[in-house]
Protein backbone atom coordinates (compact mmCIF):
# COMPACT_ATOMS: atom_id res chain seq x y z
CA MET A 1 211.25 237.42 79.39
CA ASP A 2 214.59 236.86 81.10
CA GLU A 3 217.36 234.56 79.88
CA SER A 4 216.31 231.66 82.08
CA GLU A 5 212.79 231.79 80.67
CA GLU A 6 214.08 231.96 77.12
CA GLU A 7 216.35 228.96 77.69
CA GLU A 8 213.48 227.05 79.25
CA GLY A 9 211.48 227.58 76.08
CA TYR A 10 208.37 229.37 77.32
CA GLY A 11 207.32 232.43 79.25
CA ALA A 12 204.32 233.00 81.49
CA GLU A 13 201.79 233.16 78.65
CA GLU A 14 203.22 230.16 76.86
CA GLY A 15 203.24 228.27 80.13
CA GLU A 16 199.51 228.89 80.52
CA VAL A 17 198.91 227.66 77.00
CA LEU A 18 200.98 224.58 77.72
CA GLU A 19 198.99 223.84 80.85
CA ALA A 20 195.74 224.11 78.92
CA ALA A 21 197.08 222.08 76.01
CA THR A 22 198.21 219.22 78.22
CA ASN A 23 194.90 219.12 80.10
CA PRO A 24 193.04 216.01 78.87
CA SER A 25 189.71 217.84 79.08
CA TRP A 26 190.88 220.12 76.25
CA CYS A 27 191.94 217.29 73.99
CA SER A 28 189.45 215.68 71.66
CA CYS A 29 188.36 212.23 72.82
CA GLY A 30 190.52 212.48 75.95
CA ILE A 31 193.93 212.15 74.27
CA GLU A 32 196.55 213.43 76.71
CA LEU A 33 199.63 215.33 75.51
CA HIS A 34 202.67 215.10 77.75
CA SER A 35 204.32 218.35 78.80
CA SER A 36 207.72 216.63 78.96
CA THR A 37 207.55 216.28 75.20
CA MET A 38 206.11 219.69 74.45
CA LEU A 39 208.70 221.51 76.61
CA LYS A 40 211.32 220.61 74.01
CA LEU A 41 209.47 222.56 71.32
CA PRO A 42 210.43 226.18 70.43
CA ASN A 43 208.09 228.92 71.59
CA LYS A 44 206.72 229.76 68.14
CA PHE A 45 206.10 226.12 67.30
CA LEU A 46 204.42 225.53 70.65
CA ALA A 47 202.04 228.48 70.15
CA ALA A 48 201.22 227.43 66.59
CA SER A 49 200.61 223.80 67.54
CA SER A 50 198.42 224.85 70.46
CA CYS A 51 196.23 226.96 68.21
CA LEU A 52 195.98 224.12 65.73
CA MET A 53 195.08 221.70 68.49
CA PHE A 54 191.98 223.67 69.39
CA SER A 55 190.82 224.19 65.80
CA ARG A 56 188.03 222.16 64.28
CA HIS A 57 190.37 220.29 61.96
CA SER A 58 192.67 219.29 64.81
CA ALA A 59 189.71 217.92 66.75
CA PHE A 60 188.80 215.78 63.73
CA VAL A 61 192.34 214.45 63.37
CA SER A 62 192.51 213.69 67.09
CA LYS A 63 189.23 211.80 66.91
CA ILE A 64 190.34 209.73 63.92
CA ARG A 65 193.67 208.86 65.56
CA TYR A 66 191.90 207.97 68.80
CA MET A 67 189.59 205.62 66.88
CA ASN A 68 192.60 204.06 65.17
CA ARG A 69 194.28 203.54 68.52
CA LEU A 70 191.21 201.70 69.83
CA LYS A 71 191.29 199.43 66.79
CA GLN A 72 194.92 198.52 67.49
CA ASP A 73 194.93 198.36 71.31
CA ASP A 74 192.48 195.88 72.86
CA GLU A 75 193.07 197.13 76.41
CA ALA A 76 192.42 200.72 75.43
CA CYS A 77 189.29 199.62 73.60
CA VAL A 78 187.95 197.78 76.67
CA ALA A 79 188.53 200.90 78.77
CA ALA A 80 186.71 203.02 76.18
CA LEU A 81 183.85 200.50 76.08
CA LEU A 82 183.32 200.63 79.83
CA ASN A 83 182.96 204.42 79.59
CA GLY A 84 181.21 204.47 76.23
CA ARG A 85 177.69 204.39 74.88
CA LEU A 86 176.05 201.39 73.21
CA LEU A 87 173.47 201.22 70.45
CA LEU A 88 171.55 197.97 70.83
CA PHE A 89 170.24 195.80 68.00
CA HIS A 90 167.97 192.79 68.13
CA ARG A 91 168.66 190.53 65.16
CA ASN A 92 169.90 193.52 63.18
CA ALA A 93 166.96 195.78 64.13
CA PRO A 94 168.15 198.94 65.96
CA LEU A 95 166.65 200.17 69.22
CA LEU A 96 164.77 203.45 68.70
CA GLN A 97 162.92 205.75 71.07
CA ARG A 98 160.06 208.13 70.35
CA SER A 99 160.58 211.65 71.64
CA GLU A 100 157.92 213.96 73.05
CA GLY A 101 157.53 215.60 69.65
CA GLY A 102 156.72 212.26 68.06
CA ARG A 103 160.10 211.96 66.34
CA PHE A 104 162.25 208.88 66.61
CA ARG A 105 165.91 208.75 67.53
CA SER A 106 168.37 205.95 68.19
CA ARG A 107 168.35 204.84 71.83
CA THR A 108 171.89 204.60 73.20
CA LEU A 109 172.80 203.51 76.72
CA GLN A 110 175.82 203.68 78.97
CA CYS A 111 177.77 200.45 79.21
CA SER A 112 176.88 200.10 82.91
CA ASP A 113 173.16 200.42 82.06
CA VAL A 114 173.43 197.66 79.46
CA GLN A 115 175.24 195.41 81.93
CA ALA A 116 172.43 196.02 84.45
CA VAL A 117 169.82 195.08 81.82
CA LEU A 118 171.69 191.88 80.98
CA GLN A 119 171.91 190.90 84.63
CA LYS A 120 168.18 191.51 85.16
CA LEU A 121 167.52 189.15 82.26
CA GLY A 122 169.76 186.48 83.79
CA THR A 123 172.62 186.93 81.33
CA ASP A 124 176.27 187.42 82.12
CA GLY A 125 177.13 191.10 81.80
CA SER A 126 180.30 190.16 79.95
CA LEU A 127 178.22 189.98 76.78
CA VAL A 128 179.01 193.67 76.33
CA LYS A 129 182.53 192.68 75.28
CA GLU A 130 180.96 191.50 72.02
CA SER A 131 180.24 195.15 71.22
CA VAL A 132 181.70 196.60 68.02
CA LEU A 133 183.26 200.05 67.77
CA ILE A 134 181.36 202.36 65.39
CA GLY A 135 182.35 205.92 66.26
CA CYS A 136 183.32 208.60 68.74
CA GLU A 137 181.31 211.66 69.70
CA GLN A 138 181.70 214.24 72.45
CA ASN A 139 184.70 212.45 73.97
CA GLN A 140 182.84 209.13 74.19
CA ALA A 141 183.43 206.05 72.08
CA GLN A 142 180.29 204.58 70.49
CA PHE A 143 179.65 200.86 70.13
CA CYS A 144 176.89 198.59 68.88
CA LEU A 145 175.76 195.26 70.30
CA ASP A 146 173.26 192.69 69.05
CA VAL A 147 171.21 191.10 71.84
CA GLY A 148 169.19 188.84 69.55
CA GLN A 149 169.53 185.90 71.94
CA LEU A 150 167.48 187.74 74.57
CA ASP A 151 163.71 188.21 74.77
CA ARG A 152 162.89 191.16 72.54
CA ALA A 153 159.95 192.52 74.53
CA ALA A 154 161.85 192.29 77.81
CA VAL A 155 164.80 194.26 76.45
CA GLU A 156 162.49 196.89 74.96
CA ASN A 157 160.71 197.30 78.29
CA LEU A 158 163.91 197.68 80.32
CA CYS A 159 165.56 200.00 77.79
CA GLU A 160 162.45 202.11 77.12
CA GLY A 161 162.65 201.73 73.37
CA THR A 162 161.48 199.69 70.39
CA PHE A 163 163.49 197.54 68.00
CA VAL A 164 162.59 198.66 64.47
CA ASP A 165 163.50 197.00 61.18
CA LEU A 166 166.21 199.09 59.54
CA ASN A 167 164.23 199.61 56.31
CA LYS A 168 161.50 201.29 58.34
CA ALA A 169 163.95 202.99 60.71
CA PHE A 170 165.48 204.89 57.79
CA PHE A 171 162.17 206.73 57.35
CA LEU A 172 162.08 207.63 61.04
CA LEU A 173 165.62 208.69 61.90
CA SER A 174 167.27 212.07 61.41
CA GLY A 175 170.01 212.54 58.84
CA ALA A 176 172.78 212.50 61.43
CA GLU A 177 171.75 209.23 63.09
CA ALA A 178 170.86 207.05 60.11
CA PRO A 179 174.45 206.53 58.82
CA LEU A 180 175.70 205.46 62.26
CA VAL A 181 172.84 202.98 62.65
CA ALA A 182 173.55 201.65 59.15
CA LYS A 183 177.23 201.23 60.00
CA GLY A 184 176.37 199.35 63.17
CA LYS A 185 174.04 196.97 61.38
CA ALA A 186 176.59 196.33 58.61
CA LEU A 187 179.45 195.56 61.02
CA LEU A 188 177.33 193.29 63.21
CA ARG A 189 176.15 191.36 60.16
CA TRP A 190 179.72 191.02 58.88
CA HIS A 191 180.80 189.41 62.14
CA GLN A 192 177.78 187.10 62.09
CA THR A 193 178.64 185.85 58.61
CA ASN A 194 182.43 185.64 58.91
CA LYS A 195 182.95 183.39 61.91
CA PHE A 196 184.93 180.98 59.72
CA CYS A 197 187.91 181.61 57.47
CA GLY A 198 187.11 181.44 53.76
CA THR A 199 190.51 179.85 53.06
CA SER A 200 191.03 177.28 55.81
CA GLY A 201 187.48 176.82 57.07
CA GLN A 202 188.70 177.29 60.64
CA LEU A 203 187.23 179.59 63.25
CA THR A 204 188.18 183.26 63.19
CA CYS A 205 188.69 185.49 66.21
CA ARG A 206 187.87 189.19 66.28
CA ASN A 207 189.86 191.95 67.93
CA GLN A 208 188.16 193.93 70.70
CA ALA A 209 187.10 196.80 68.44
CA GLY A 210 185.63 194.41 65.89
CA SER A 211 187.61 196.00 63.07
CA GLN A 212 189.11 192.68 61.92
CA ARG A 213 188.98 188.90 62.31
CA VAL A 214 191.99 186.57 62.35
CA CYS A 215 192.00 182.92 61.29
CA SER A 216 192.90 180.72 64.26
CA SER A 217 194.78 178.35 61.95
CA SER A 218 196.59 180.38 59.30
CA GLY A 219 196.63 183.80 60.92
CA THR A 220 194.96 185.32 57.85
CA VAL A 221 193.43 188.69 58.70
CA SER A 222 190.03 189.64 57.27
CA TYR A 223 188.52 193.12 57.25
CA PRO A 224 184.93 194.30 56.66
CA MET A 225 184.41 195.04 52.99
CA MET A 226 181.85 196.81 50.82
CA ALA A 227 180.79 195.82 47.31
CA PRO A 228 180.86 198.70 44.76
CA VAL A 229 177.43 199.55 43.33
CA VAL A 230 176.65 202.17 40.70
CA ILE A 231 173.35 204.03 41.08
CA VAL A 232 172.27 206.41 38.34
CA LEU A 233 169.46 208.83 37.61
CA VAL A 234 168.91 208.88 33.84
CA SER A 235 167.33 211.94 32.19
CA ASP A 236 166.20 212.76 28.67
CA GLY A 237 166.32 216.50 29.37
CA THR A 238 162.75 217.00 30.60
CA ARG A 239 162.03 213.74 32.39
CA CYS A 240 163.97 211.30 34.55
CA LEU A 241 163.81 207.54 34.69
CA LEU A 242 162.95 205.54 37.79
CA GLY A 243 162.45 201.81 38.26
CA ARG A 244 161.15 199.47 40.91
CA GLN A 245 161.91 195.92 41.97
CA SER A 246 159.22 193.51 43.09
CA SER A 247 160.64 193.66 46.62
CA PHE A 248 159.91 197.40 46.87
CA PRO A 249 156.87 198.56 48.84
CA PRO A 250 153.88 199.33 46.56
CA GLY A 251 154.23 202.67 44.81
CA MET A 252 157.93 203.20 45.51
CA TYR A 253 160.31 203.91 42.62
CA SER A 254 164.03 204.57 42.76
CA ALA A 255 167.09 205.23 40.60
CA LEU A 256 168.59 202.35 38.63
CA ALA A 257 171.39 200.50 40.38
CA GLY A 258 173.61 197.47 40.00
CA PHE A 259 176.83 195.88 41.22
CA CYS A 260 180.06 196.57 39.40
CA ASP A 261 181.47 193.49 37.70
CA MET A 262 185.07 192.44 38.21
CA GLY A 263 187.37 194.55 36.06
CA GLU A 264 184.81 197.27 35.30
CA ASN A 265 185.27 200.93 36.01
CA LEU A 266 182.40 203.15 37.14
CA GLU A 267 181.43 204.33 33.67
CA GLU A 268 181.44 200.83 32.19
CA ALA A 269 179.28 199.45 34.99
CA LEU A 270 176.81 202.33 34.63
CA CYS A 271 176.43 201.93 30.87
CA ARG A 272 176.02 198.18 31.17
CA GLU A 273 173.39 198.37 33.92
CA VAL A 274 171.23 200.88 32.04
CA ALA A 275 171.47 198.84 28.85
CA GLU A 276 170.61 195.61 30.68
CA GLU A 277 167.71 196.91 32.73
CA VAL A 278 165.91 199.32 30.38
CA GLY A 279 167.58 198.93 26.97
CA LEU A 280 168.95 202.48 26.73
CA GLU A 281 172.37 203.78 25.73
CA VAL A 282 173.55 206.66 27.90
CA GLN A 283 175.58 209.61 26.66
CA ASN A 284 176.90 212.03 29.26
CA ILE A 285 177.80 210.84 32.77
CA SER A 286 178.56 212.98 35.81
CA TYR A 287 179.46 211.89 39.32
CA SER A 288 177.35 213.16 42.23
CA SER A 289 178.30 211.55 45.55
CA SER A 290 178.76 208.26 47.37
CA GLN A 291 177.23 206.45 50.31
CA HIS A 292 177.52 203.29 52.36
CA TRP A 293 174.34 201.22 52.15
CA PRO A 294 173.76 198.21 54.44
CA HIS A 295 171.03 196.38 52.45
CA PRO A 296 171.10 193.47 52.00
CA HIS A 297 174.84 193.38 52.61
CA SER A 298 177.28 196.26 52.76
CA SER A 299 177.50 198.18 49.49
CA PHE A 300 179.46 201.24 48.45
CA MET A 301 176.98 203.27 46.39
CA LEU A 302 178.48 205.52 43.70
CA GLY A 303 175.81 208.03 42.67
CA CYS A 304 175.75 209.50 39.16
CA HIS A 305 173.59 211.41 36.71
CA ALA A 306 173.42 210.36 33.07
CA SER A 307 171.56 211.51 29.96
CA VAL A 308 170.11 209.84 26.90
CA SER A 309 169.09 211.29 23.57
CA PRO A 310 165.49 212.61 23.58
CA ALA A 311 165.07 210.77 20.27
CA HIS A 312 165.85 207.39 21.86
CA THR A 313 163.81 207.05 25.06
CA GLU A 314 161.67 203.99 24.36
CA LEU A 315 162.10 201.55 27.22
CA SER A 316 162.72 197.82 26.91
CA VAL A 317 162.47 196.66 30.53
CA ASP A 318 164.20 193.44 31.52
CA HIS A 319 161.59 192.01 33.90
CA THR A 320 164.10 189.62 35.42
CA GLU A 321 165.84 192.75 36.74
CA LEU A 322 162.95 195.16 37.31
CA GLU A 323 159.24 194.90 37.88
CA ASP A 324 158.68 198.24 36.16
CA ALA A 325 160.41 201.38 34.91
CA CYS A 326 158.84 204.69 33.88
CA TRP A 327 159.69 208.23 32.84
CA PHE A 328 158.57 210.87 35.35
CA THR A 329 158.06 214.60 34.87
CA LEU A 330 159.20 217.43 37.11
CA ASP A 331 155.66 217.93 38.42
CA GLN A 332 155.32 214.26 39.33
CA LEU A 333 158.61 214.18 41.22
CA THR A 334 157.94 217.49 42.95
CA ALA A 335 154.69 216.04 44.27
CA ALA A 336 156.41 212.78 45.28
CA LEU A 337 159.02 214.68 47.30
CA GLN A 338 156.19 216.08 49.42
CA VAL A 339 155.24 212.56 50.57
CA LYS A 340 157.08 212.48 53.89
CA ALA A 341 156.12 208.93 54.93
CA PRO A 342 155.06 205.73 53.16
CA PRO A 343 151.41 206.19 52.15
CA PRO A 344 148.74 203.81 53.49
CA LYS A 345 148.23 200.61 51.50
CA SER A 346 144.80 201.89 50.53
CA CYS A 347 146.38 204.79 48.58
CA HIS A 348 147.00 202.97 45.32
CA GLY A 349 148.91 204.78 42.59
CA VAL A 350 150.68 207.23 44.90
CA LEU A 351 154.30 207.68 43.85
CA TRP A 352 156.77 207.83 46.70
CA LEU A 353 160.52 207.80 46.84
CA PRO A 354 163.38 206.26 48.88
CA PRO A 355 164.06 207.77 52.33
CA LYS A 356 165.85 211.11 52.45
CA HIS A 357 169.01 209.40 53.78
CA ALA A 358 169.30 207.30 50.60
CA ILE A 359 171.53 208.47 47.79
CA ALA A 360 168.69 207.83 45.31
CA HIS A 361 166.68 210.51 47.09
CA ARG A 362 169.61 212.90 46.84
CA LEU A 363 169.96 212.29 43.09
CA ILE A 364 166.26 212.99 42.54
CA VAL A 365 166.41 216.21 44.57
CA GLU A 366 169.44 217.37 42.57
CA TRP A 367 167.63 216.72 39.29
CA VAL A 368 164.47 218.50 40.45
CA GLU A 369 166.43 221.55 41.61
CA ARG A 370 168.29 221.78 38.30
CA GLN A 371 165.04 221.55 36.35
CA GLN A 372 163.43 224.25 38.48
CA HIS A 373 166.39 226.57 37.94
CA ARG A 374 166.31 225.90 34.23
CA GLU A 375 162.60 226.71 34.02
CA ALA A 376 163.27 229.90 35.97
CA GLY A 377 165.84 230.90 33.35
CA GLN A 378 168.79 230.54 35.71
CA GLU A 379 172.13 229.12 34.64
CA VAL A 380 172.55 225.50 35.64
CA ALA A 381 175.81 223.63 36.05
CA PRO A 382 175.98 220.62 33.68
CA ALA A 383 174.89 217.33 35.24
């Protein structure tokens, strides 16, 4: 490298890296880096930042910042929408499509295809501007749109899909798609139920991304919120406790769950819910994982395991809270986990569990795996 190259800040190899780094096709979600800015960086810093840019973590950061930009910049969001993909809903039921293998997947369409469908049905194509931003994948922004005002069968025919109730869709979708569909349904429902300001009673207006609503009178900004819910799998050492509400499909049991009261922490809410619903006092509590859940409104599910003394397992079910609650053995739950779809109504007495995307299912699987390891004489991490 001669002196002029050193003063300029990059040699031939660094120049090639710079050209690649400033090419929008290399940048996650199409974010363009300007060479005029990067030329001011020292050689070593430029090389290090270029390597970081192409790493998996840098792609994630770029995607998150791109999403944040779309939430703040209405014009950028409109541009992303016109080049994005849309997941359609009809009165909160997502559009699914059956593949050749018989599996279902969410049916997404290009914005231009949705506009064409709307025009064929005699509706102004500008309805797509009511779409809500839900994600970004493979350099394309993802949106959701509810077309509940249109004829359901006509939309299904033109889009080559079927609108399926979300409770049923959760049993049909893959693990990667279900959370995105749930997020779409939750955001659409939030906009449907927050058209007026809770303080002034006046109309609210949303931004283009749908990430907030602003009161037209006071300027108060509202954001989508989730209610904290504790969900717990209780064990007495050899069995675990599941309950069911009257609204559950016949034969389905799940972990105990309840909303956190104002001022409670996670442990307090968990102990209270178990005491209220089944009359037990829990001892040890361990956190497992969390999940957004869209039913009936958006909840933030905090999944835990808890234990009770084997000497105090008699249930006192509060039937205003639960229809039933029972202790289940490892063999019973192992068999229930093999039930891949809701059994026919004629199969009375068949135990089946929440869909695999639900955190209750995850808690049950964790418990079963620990019990199997324990029976095999393997060391098991405490719950």
